[in-house]
Amino acid sequence: MPKFASKAEYYRHHRKVMEVALELGVTPIEAEARMKAVEERERHRARMARRGLRSALPPLSLTAEQPTSPRFEDFEAGWMMRN
């Protein structure tokens, strides 16, 4: 967990993490890890851009991936059927 200079800074960060977690539908720990990955990726891309190189890493986004609906065959369980 990062160090914060004040309680206000801590609460601002926590609120941002909670908003991202709710948007993505994940836990706050996963959301914070995702935010950190995006930040590291952007720092890498900026560093490569300063050198005049193109980064091989595509940018990450904080948008929620749409889950696919389960197929009917996934729930095929003969042992659960009534006689």
PDB file of N, CA and C in Angstrom:
ATOM      1  N   MET A   1       0.841  -1.177   0.000  1.00  0.00           N
ATOM      2  CA  MET A   1       0.000   0.000   0.000  1.00  0.00           C
ATOM      3  C   MET A   1       0.884   1.238   0.000  1.00  0.00           C
ATOM      4  N   PRO A   2       0.582   2.186  -0.862  1.00  0.00           N
ATOM      5  CA  PRO A   2       1.416   3.384  -0.934  1.00  0.00           C
ATOM      6  C   PRO A   2       1.282   4.251   0.317  1.00  0.00           C
ATOM      7  N   LYS A   3       2.325   5.021   0.560  1.00  0.00           N
ATOM      8  CA  LYS A   3       2.307   5.963   1.685  1.00  0.00           C
ATOM      9  C   LYS A   3       1.599   7.237   1.238  1.00  0.00           C
ATOM     10  N   PHE A   4       0.821   7.801   2.125  1.00  0.00           N
ATOM     11  CA  PHE A   4       0.074   9.015   1.814  1.00  0.00           C
ATOM     12  C   PHE A   4       0.503  10.121   2.764  1.00  0.00           C
ATOM     13  N   ALA A   5       0.527  11.341   2.253  1.00  0.00           N
ATOM     14  CA  ALA A   5       0.944  12.490   3.051  1.00  0.00           C
ATOM     15  C   ALA A   5      -0.131  12.917   4.039  1.00  0.00           C
ATOM     16  N   SER A   6      -1.398  12.637   3.706  1.00  0.00           N
ATOM     17  CA  SER A   6      -2.478  13.053   4.593  1.00  0.00           C
ATOM     18  C   SER A   6      -3.629  12.061   4.511  1.00  0.00           C
ATOM     19  N   LYS A   7      -4.539  12.180   5.435  1.00  0.00           N
ATOM     20  CA  LYS A   7      -5.743  11.331   5.425  1.00  0.00           C
ATOM     21  C   LYS A   7      -6.589  11.617   4.194  1.00  0.00           C
ATOM     22  N   ALA A   8      -6.634  12.881   3.780  1.00  0.00           N
ATOM     23  CA  ALA A   8      -7.428  13.254   2.604  1.00  0.00           C
ATOM     24  C   ALA A   8      -6.912  12.538   1.363  1.00  0.00           C
ATOM     25  N   GLU A   9      -5.590  12.476   1.231  1.00  0.00           N
ATOM     26  CA  GLU A   9      -5.000  11.774   0.103  1.00  0.00           C
ATOM     27  C   GLU A   9      -5.355  10.287   0.139  1.00  0.00           C
ATOM     28  N   TYR A  10      -5.285   9.709   1.325  1.00  0.00           N
ATOM     29  CA  TYR A  10      -5.631   8.294   1.495  1.00  0.00           C
ATOM     30  C   TYR A  10      -7.079   8.030   1.078  1.00  0.00           C
ATOM     31  N   TYR A  11      -7.983   8.882   1.547  1.00  0.00           N
ATOM     32  CA  TYR A  11      -9.396   8.678   1.233  1.00  0.00           C
ATOM     33  C   TYR A  11      -9.711   8.929  -0.244  1.00  0.00           C
ATOM     34  N   ARG A  12      -9.010   9.888  -0.871  1.00  0.00           N
ATOM     35  CA  ARG A  12      -9.180  10.105  -2.305  1.00  0.00           C
ATOM     36  C   ARG A  12      -8.769   8.873  -3.092  1.00  0.00           C
ATOM     37  N   HIS A  13      -7.640   8.299  -2.711  1.00  0.00           N
ATOM     38  CA  HIS A  13      -7.159   7.089  -3.383  1.00  0.00           C
ATOM     39  C   HIS A  13      -8.135   5.926  -3.159  1.00  0.00           C
ATOM     40  N   HIS A  14      -8.579   5.771  -1.935  1.00  0.00           N
ATOM     41  CA  HIS A  14      -9.504   4.679  -1.618  1.00  0.00           C
ATOM     42  C   HIS A  14     -10.823   4.830  -2.383  1.00  0.00           C
ATOM     43  N   ARG A  15     -11.298   6.049  -2.508  1.00  0.00           N
ATOM     44  CA  ARG A  15     -12.543   6.265  -3.249  1.00  0.00           C
ATOM     45  C   ARG A  15     -12.360   5.904  -4.727  1.00  0.00           C
ATOM     46  N   LYS A  16     -11.230   6.308  -5.295  1.00  0.00           N
ATOM     47  CA  LYS A  16     -10.958   5.977  -6.702  1.00  0.00           C
ATOM     48  C   LYS A  16     -10.890   4.457  -6.887  1.00  0.00           C
ATOM     49  N   VAL A  17     -10.234   3.766  -5.962  1.00  0.00           N
ATOM     50  CA  VAL A  17     -10.139   2.306  -6.037  1.00  0.00           C
ATOM     51  C   VAL A  17     -11.525   1.683  -5.956  1.00  0.00           C
ATOM     52  N   MET A  18     -12.355   2.166  -5.057  1.00  0.00           N
ATOM     53  CA  MET A  18     -13.704   1.607  -4.904  1.00  0.00           C
ATOM     54  C   MET A  18     -14.551   1.862  -6.148  1.00  0.00           C
ATOM     55  N   GLU A  19     -14.429   3.042  -6.749  1.00  0.00           N
ATOM     56  CA  GLU A  19     -15.190   3.331  -7.969  1.00  0.00           C
ATOM     57  C   GLU A  19     -14.783   2.399  -9.105  1.00  0.00           C
ATOM     58  N   VAL A  20     -13.481   2.185  -9.245  1.00  0.00           N
ATOM     59  CA  VAL A  20     -12.997   1.281 -10.292  1.00  0.00           C
ATOM     60  C   VAL A  20     -13.452  -0.147 -10.004  1.00  0.00           C
ATOM     61  N   ALA A  21     -13.408  -0.565  -8.742  1.00  0.00           N
ATOM     62  CA  ALA A  21     -13.830  -1.916  -8.373  1.00  0.00           C
ATOM     63  C   ALA A  21     -15.308  -2.128  -8.691  1.00  0.00           C
ATOM     64  N   LEU A  22     -16.131  -1.145  -8.390  1.00  0.00           N
ATOM     65  CA  LEU A  22     -17.558  -1.271  -8.694  1.00  0.00           C
ATOM     66  C   LEU A  22     -17.799  -1.295 -10.199  1.00  0.00           C
ATOM     67  N   GLU A  23     -17.048  -0.489 -10.933  1.00  0.00           N
ATOM     68  CA  GLU A  23     -17.208  -0.438 -12.385  1.00  0.00           C
ATOM     69  C   GLU A  23     -16.807  -1.760 -13.038  1.00  0.00           C
ATOM     70  N   LEU A  24     -15.700  -2.345 -12.543  1.00  0.00           N
ATOM     71  CA  LEU A  24     -15.205  -3.585 -13.129  1.00  0.00           C
ATOM     72  C   LEU A  24     -15.875  -4.827 -12.551  1.00  0.00           C
ATOM     73  N   GLY A  25     -16.506  -4.687 -11.403  1.00  0.00           N
ATOM     74  CA  GLY A  25     -17.135  -5.839 -10.760  1.00  0.00           C
ATOM     75  C   GLY A  25     -16.123  -6.770 -10.120  1.00  0.00           C
ATOM     76  N   VAL A  26     -15.058  -6.200  -9.557  1.00  0.00           N
ATOM     77  CA  VAL A  26     -14.024  -6.994  -8.900  1.00  0.00           C
ATOM     78  C   VAL A  26     -13.828  -6.474  -7.479  1.00  0.00           C
ATOM     79  N   THR A  27     -12.936  -7.130  -6.738  1.00  0.00           N
ATOM     80  CA  THR A  27     -12.651  -6.686  -5.380  1.00  0.00           C
ATOM     81  C   THR A  27     -11.756  -5.450  -5.423  1.00  0.00           C
ATOM     82  N   PRO A  28     -11.732  -4.671  -4.355  1.00  0.00           N
ATOM     83  CA  PRO A  28     -10.862  -3.491  -4.328  1.00  0.00           C
ATOM     84  C   PRO A  28      -9.380  -3.836  -4.503  1.00  0.00           C
ATOM     85  N   ILE A  29      -8.939  -4.975  -3.988  1.00  0.00           N
ATOM     86  CA  ILE A  29      -7.542  -5.374  -4.142  1.00  0.00           C
ATOM     87  C   ILE A  29      -7.230  -5.624  -5.618  1.00  0.00           C
ATOM     88  N   GLU A  30      -8.139  -6.316  -6.308  1.00  0.00           N
ATOM     89  CA  GLU A  30      -7.939  -6.560  -7.738  1.00  0.00           C
ATOM     90  C   GLU A  30      -7.979  -5.258  -8.527  1.00  0.00           C
ATOM     91  N   ALA A  31      -8.863  -4.350  -8.145  1.00  0.00           N
ATOM     92  CA  ALA A  31      -8.967  -3.064  -8.835  1.00  0.00           C
ATOM     93  C   ALA A  31      -7.693  -2.252  -8.647  1.00  0.00           C
ATOM     94  N   GLU A  32      -7.146  -2.265  -7.444  1.00  0.00           N
ATOM     95  CA  GLU A  32      -5.909  -1.525  -7.196  1.00  0.00           C
ATOM     96  C   GLU A  32      -4.753  -2.131  -7.992  1.00  0.00           C
ATOM     97  N   ALA A  33      -4.716  -3.458  -8.089  1.00  0.00           N
ATOM     98  CA  ALA A  33      -3.671  -4.110  -8.883  1.00  0.00           C
ATOM     99  C   ALA A  33      -3.823  -3.743 -10.356  1.00  0.00           C
ATOM    100  N   ARG A  34      -5.062  -3.697 -10.829  1.00  0.00           N
ATOM    101  CA  ARG A  34      -5.318  -3.332 -12.230  1.00  0.00           C
ATOM    102  C   ARG A  34      -4.901  -1.885 -12.486  1.00  0.00           C
ATOM    103  N   MET A  35      -5.227  -0.989 -11.537  1.00  0.00           N
ATOM    104  CA  MET A  35      -4.844   0.413 -11.679  1.00  0.00           C
ATOM    105  C   MET A  35      -3.322   0.556 -11.712  1.00  0.00           C
ATOM    106  N   LYS A  36      -2.633  -0.212 -10.874  1.00  0.00           N
ATOM    107  CA  LYS A  36      -1.181  -0.166 -10.839  1.00  0.00           C
ATOM    108  C   LYS A  36      -0.594  -0.679 -12.151  1.00  0.00           C
ATOM    109  N   ALA A  37      -1.180  -1.740 -12.714  1.00  0.00           N
ATOM    110  CA  ALA A  37      -0.707  -2.281 -13.993  1.00  0.00           C
ATOM    111  C   ALA A  37      -0.886  -1.266 -15.111  1.00  0.00           C
ATOM    112  N   VAL A  38      -2.009  -0.581 -15.115  1.00  0.00           N
ATOM    113  CA  VAL A  38      -2.258   0.441 -16.143  1.00  0.00           C
ATOM    114  C   VAL A  38      -1.243   1.571 -16.001  1.00  0.00           C
ATOM    115  N   GLU A  39      -0.998   1.992 -14.763  1.00  0.00           N
ATOM    116  CA  GLU A  39      -0.049   3.082 -14.521  1.00  0.00           C
ATOM    117  C   GLU A  39       1.366   2.688 -14.953  1.00  0.00           C
ATOM    118  N   GLU A  40       1.783   1.465 -14.624  1.00  0.00           N
ATOM    119  CA  GLU A  40       3.112   1.004 -15.032  1.00  0.00           C
ATOM    120  C   GLU A  40       3.218   0.903 -16.547  1.00  0.00           C
ATOM    121  N   ARG A  41       2.160   0.414 -17.194  1.00  0.00           N
ATOM    122  CA  ARG A  41       2.170   0.285 -18.650  1.00  0.00           C
ATOM    123  C   ARG A  41       2.276   1.666 -19.300  1.00  0.00           C
ATOM    124  N   GLU A  42       1.541   2.639 -18.774  1.00  0.00           N
ATOM    125  CA  GLU A  42       1.589   3.990 -19.339  1.00  0.00           C
ATOM    126  C   GLU A  42       2.952   4.641 -19.124  1.00  0.00           C
ATOM    127  N   ARG A  43       3.573   4.384 -17.964  1.00  0.00           N
ATOM    128  CA  ARG A  43       4.921   4.907 -17.727  1.00  0.00           C
ATOM    129  C   ARG A  43       5.914   4.315 -18.726  1.00  0.00           C
ATOM    130  N   HIS A  44       5.773   3.018 -18.986  1.00  0.00           N
ATOM    131  CA  HIS A  44       6.641   2.344 -19.957  1.00  0.00           C
ATOM    132  C   HIS A  44       6.439   2.939 -21.348  1.00  0.00           C
ATOM    133  N   ARG A  45       5.184   3.122 -21.741  1.00  0.00           N
ATOM    134  CA  ARG A  45       4.897   3.669 -23.065  1.00  0.00           C
ATOM    135  C   ARG A  45       5.439   5.094 -23.193  1.00  0.00           C
ATOM    136  N   ALA A  46       5.330   5.901 -22.123  1.00  0.00           N
ATOM    137  CA  ALA A  46       5.848   7.268 -22.149  1.00  0.00           C
ATOM    138  C   ALA A  46       7.373   7.258 -22.251  1.00  0.00           C
ATOM    139  N   ARG A  47       8.008   6.337 -21.522  1.00  0.00           N
ATOM    140  CA  ARG A  47       9.463   6.225 -21.574  1.00  0.00           C
ATOM    141  C   ARG A  47       9.924   5.856 -22.984  1.00  0.00           C
ATOM    142  N   MET A  48       9.221   4.925 -23.617  1.00  0.00           N
ATOM    143  CA  MET A  48       9.572   4.516 -24.976  1.00  0.00           C
ATOM    144  C   MET A  48       9.326   5.665 -25.959  1.00  0.00           C
ATOM    145  N   ALA A  49       8.265   6.427 -25.749  1.00  0.00           N
ATOM    146  CA  ALA A  49       7.962   7.551 -26.636  1.00  0.00           C
ATOM    147  C   ALA A  49       9.034   8.632 -26.523  1.00  0.00           C
ATOM    148  N   ARG A  50       9.555   8.866 -25.315  1.00  0.00           N
ATOM    149  CA  ARG A  50      10.622   9.859 -25.142  1.00  0.00           C
ATOM    150  C   ARG A  50      11.874   9.447 -25.897  1.00  0.00           C
ATOM    151  N   ARG A  51      12.119   8.152 -26.000  1.00  0.00           N
ATOM    152  CA  ARG A  51      13.279   7.658 -26.739  1.00  0.00           C
ATOM    153  C   ARG A  51      13.047   7.645 -28.245  1.00  0.00           C
ATOM    154  N   GLY A  52      11.815   7.895 -28.642  1.00  0.00           N
ATOM    155  CA  GLY A  52      11.494   7.891 -30.052  1.00  0.00           C
ATOM    156  C   GLY A  52      11.189   6.496 -30.574  1.00  0.00           C
ATOM    157  N   LEU A  53      10.943   5.575 -29.660  1.00  0.00           N
ATOM    158  CA  LEU A  53      10.625   4.202 -30.040  1.00  0.00           C
ATOM    159  C   LEU A  53       9.153   3.944 -29.836  1.00  0.00           C
ATOM    160  N   ARG A  54       8.669   2.980 -30.556  1.00  0.00           N
ATOM    161  CA  ARG A  54       7.281   2.602 -30.381  1.00  0.00           C
ATOM    162  C   ARG A  54       7.205   1.417 -29.430  1.00  0.00           C
ATOM    163  N   SER A  55       6.333   1.497 -28.465  1.00  0.00           N
ATOM    164  CA  SER A  55       6.211   0.419 -27.482  1.00  0.00           C
ATOM    165  C   SER A  55       5.501  -0.774 -28.096  1.00  0.00           C
ATOM    166  N   ALA A  56       6.003  -1.953 -27.763  1.00  0.00           N
ATOM    167  CA  ALA A  56       5.366  -3.181 -28.240  1.00  0.00           C
ATOM    168  C   ALA A  56       4.161  -3.545 -27.374  1.00  0.00           C
ATOM    169  N   LEU A  57       4.022  -2.869 -26.244  1.00  0.00           N
ATOM    170  CA  LEU A  57       2.925  -3.173 -25.331  1.00  0.00           C
ATOM    171  C   LEU A  57       1.717  -2.304 -25.662  1.00  0.00           C
ATOM    172  N   PRO A  58       0.575  -2.909 -25.931  1.00  0.00           N
ATOM    173  CA  PRO A  58      -0.613  -2.092 -26.186  1.00  0.00           C
ATOM    174  C   PRO A  58      -1.105  -1.466 -24.880  1.00  0.00           C
ATOM    175  N   PRO A  59      -1.812  -0.348 -24.970  1.00  0.00           N
ATOM    176  CA  PRO A  59      -2.309   0.278 -23.743  1.00  0.00           C
ATOM    177  C   PRO A  59      -3.387  -0.571 -23.077  1.00  0.00           C
ATOM    178  N   LEU A  60      -3.405  -0.549 -21.755  1.00  0.00           N
ATOM    179  CA  LEU A  60      -4.453  -1.234 -20.991  1.00  0.00           C
ATOM    180  C   LEU A  60      -5.558  -0.244 -20.696  1.00  0.00           C
ATOM    181  N   SER A  61      -6.759  -0.732 -20.592  1.00  0.00           N
ATOM    182  CA  SER A  61      -7.868   0.158 -20.250  1.00  0.00           C
ATOM    183  C   SER A  61      -8.515  -0.317 -18.961  1.00  0.00           C
ATOM    184  N   LEU A  62      -9.217   0.591 -18.329  1.00  0.00           N
ATOM    185  CA  LEU A  62      -9.913   0.253 -17.091  1.00  0.00           C
ATOM    186  C   LEU A  62     -11.392   0.004 -17.346  1.00  0.00           C
ATOM    187  N   THR A  63     -11.729  -0.419 -18.536  1.00  0.00           N
ATOM    188  CA  THR A  63     -13.129  -0.706 -18.823  1.00  0.00           C
ATOM    189  C   THR A  63     -13.433  -2.147 -18.457  1.00  0.00           C
ATOM    190  N   ALA A  64     -14.667  -2.374 -18.115  1.00  0.00           N
ATOM    191  CA  ALA A  64     -15.081  -3.720 -17.715  1.00  0.00           C
ATOM    192  C   ALA A  64     -15.233  -4.601 -18.953  1.00  0.00           C
ATOM    193  N   GLU A  65     -14.679  -5.800 -18.864  1.00  0.00           N
ATOM    194  CA  GLU A  65     -14.869  -6.755 -19.948  1.00  0.00           C
ATOM    195  C   GLU A  65     -16.225  -7.416 -19.758  1.00  0.00           C
ATOM    196  N   GLN A  66     -16.961  -7.527 -20.823  1.00  0.00           N
ATOM    197  CA  GLN A  66     -18.283  -8.125 -20.751  1.00  0.00           C
ATOM    198  C   GLN A  66     -18.160  -9.641 -20.641  1.00  0.00           C
ATOM    199  N   PRO A  67     -18.687 -10.219 -19.568  1.00  0.00           N
ATOM    200  CA  PRO A  67     -18.609 -11.669 -19.447  1.00  0.00           C
ATOM    201  C   PRO A  67     -19.543 -12.338 -20.450  1.00  0.00           C
ATOM    202  N   THR A  68     -19.121 -13.468 -20.949  1.00  0.00           N
ATOM    203  CA  THR A  68     -19.966 -14.200 -21.876  1.00  0.00           C
ATOM    204  C   THR A  68     -20.971 -15.013 -21.080  1.00  0.00           C
ATOM    205  N   SER A  69     -22.144 -15.187 -21.638  1.00  0.00           N
ATOM    206  CA  SER A  69     -23.158 -15.964 -20.933  1.00  0.00           C
ATOM    207  C   SER A  69     -22.798 -17.443 -21.018  1.00  0.00           C
ATOM    208  N   PRO A  70     -23.060 -18.197 -19.955  1.00  0.00           N
ATOM    209  CA  PRO A  70     -22.714 -19.615 -19.963  1.00  0.00           C
ATOM    210  C   PRO A  70     -23.586 -20.391 -20.948  1.00  0.00           C
ATOM    211  N   ARG A  71     -22.995 -21.416 -21.525  1.00  0.00           N
ATOM    212  CA  ARG A  71     -23.738 -22.247 -22.455  1.00  0.00           C
ATOM    213  C   ARG A  71     -24.582 -23.251 -21.678  1.00  0.00           C
ATOM    214  N   PHE A  72     -25.646 -23.738 -22.304  1.00  0.00           N
ATOM    215  CA  PHE A  72     -26.518 -24.711 -21.658  1.00  0.00           C
ATOM    216  C   PHE A  72     -25.760 -26.005 -21.362  1.00  0.00           C
ATOM    217  N   GLU A  73     -24.827 -26.372 -22.244  1.00  0.00           N
ATOM    218  CA  GLU A  73     -24.081 -27.613 -22.059  1.00  0.00           C
ATOM    219  C   GLU A  73     -23.215 -27.581 -20.801  1.00  0.00           C
ATOM    220  N   ASP A  74     -22.872 -26.399 -20.337  1.00  0.00           N
ATOM    221  CA  ASP A  74     -22.064 -26.291 -19.123  1.00  0.00           C
ATOM    222  C   ASP A  74     -22.827 -26.771 -17.894  1.00  0.00           C
ATOM    223  N   PHE A  75     -24.148 -26.746 -17.973  1.00  0.00           N
ATOM    224  CA  PHE A  75     -24.959 -27.126 -16.827  1.00  0.00           C
ATOM    225  C   PHE A  75     -25.572 -28.516 -16.979  1.00  0.00           C
ATOM    226  N   GLU A  76     -25.115 -29.254 -17.952  1.00  0.00           N
ATOM    227  CA  GLU A  76     -25.619 -30.600 -18.190  1.00  0.00           C
ATOM    228  C   GLU A  76     -25.083 -31.509 -17.090  1.00  0.00           C
ATOM    229  N   ALA A  77     -25.933 -31.908 -16.183  1.00  0.00           N
ATOM    230  CA  ALA A  77     -25.503 -32.776 -15.078  1.00  0.00           C
ATOM    231  C   ALA A  77     -26.600 -33.806 -14.839  1.00  0.00           C
ATOM    232  N   GLY A  78     -26.384 -35.013 -15.380  1.00  0.00           N
ATOM    233  CA  GLY A  78     -27.369 -36.073 -15.257  1.00  0.00           C
ATOM    234  C   GLY A  78     -27.619 -36.496 -13.829  1.00  0.00           C
ATOM    235  N   TRP A  79     -26.626 -36.400 -12.988  1.00  0.00           N
ATOM    236  CA  TRP A  79     -26.789 -36.830 -11.607  1.00  0.00           C
ATOM    237  C   TRP A  79     -27.695 -35.896 -10.814  1.00  0.00           C
ATOM    238  N   MET A  80     -28.001 -34.722 -11.358  1.00  0.00           N
ATOM    239  CA  MET A  80     -28.888 -33.802 -10.651  1.00  0.00           C
ATOM    240  C   MET A  80     -30.347 -33.972 -11.068  1.00  0.00           C
ATOM    241  N   MET A  81     -30.612 -34.767 -12.085  1.00  0.00           N
ATOM    242  CA  MET A  81     -31.986 -34.935 -12.572  1.00  0.00           C
ATOM    243  C   MET A  81     -32.788 -35.853 -11.655  1.00  0.00           C
ATOM    244  N   ARG A  82     -34.070 -35.577 -11.606  1.00  0.00           N
ATOM    245  CA  ARG A  82     -34.956 -36.419 -10.798  1.00  0.00           C
ATOM    246  C   ARG A  82     -35.248 -37.705 -11.557  1.00  0.00           C
ATOM    247  N   ASN A  83     -35.563 -38.720 -10.828  1.00  0.00           N
ATOM    248  CA  ASN A  83     -35.923 -40.006 -11.452  1.00  0.00           C
ATOM    249  C   ASN A  83     -37.337 -39.976 -11.922  1.00  0.00           C
TER     250      ASN A  83
END
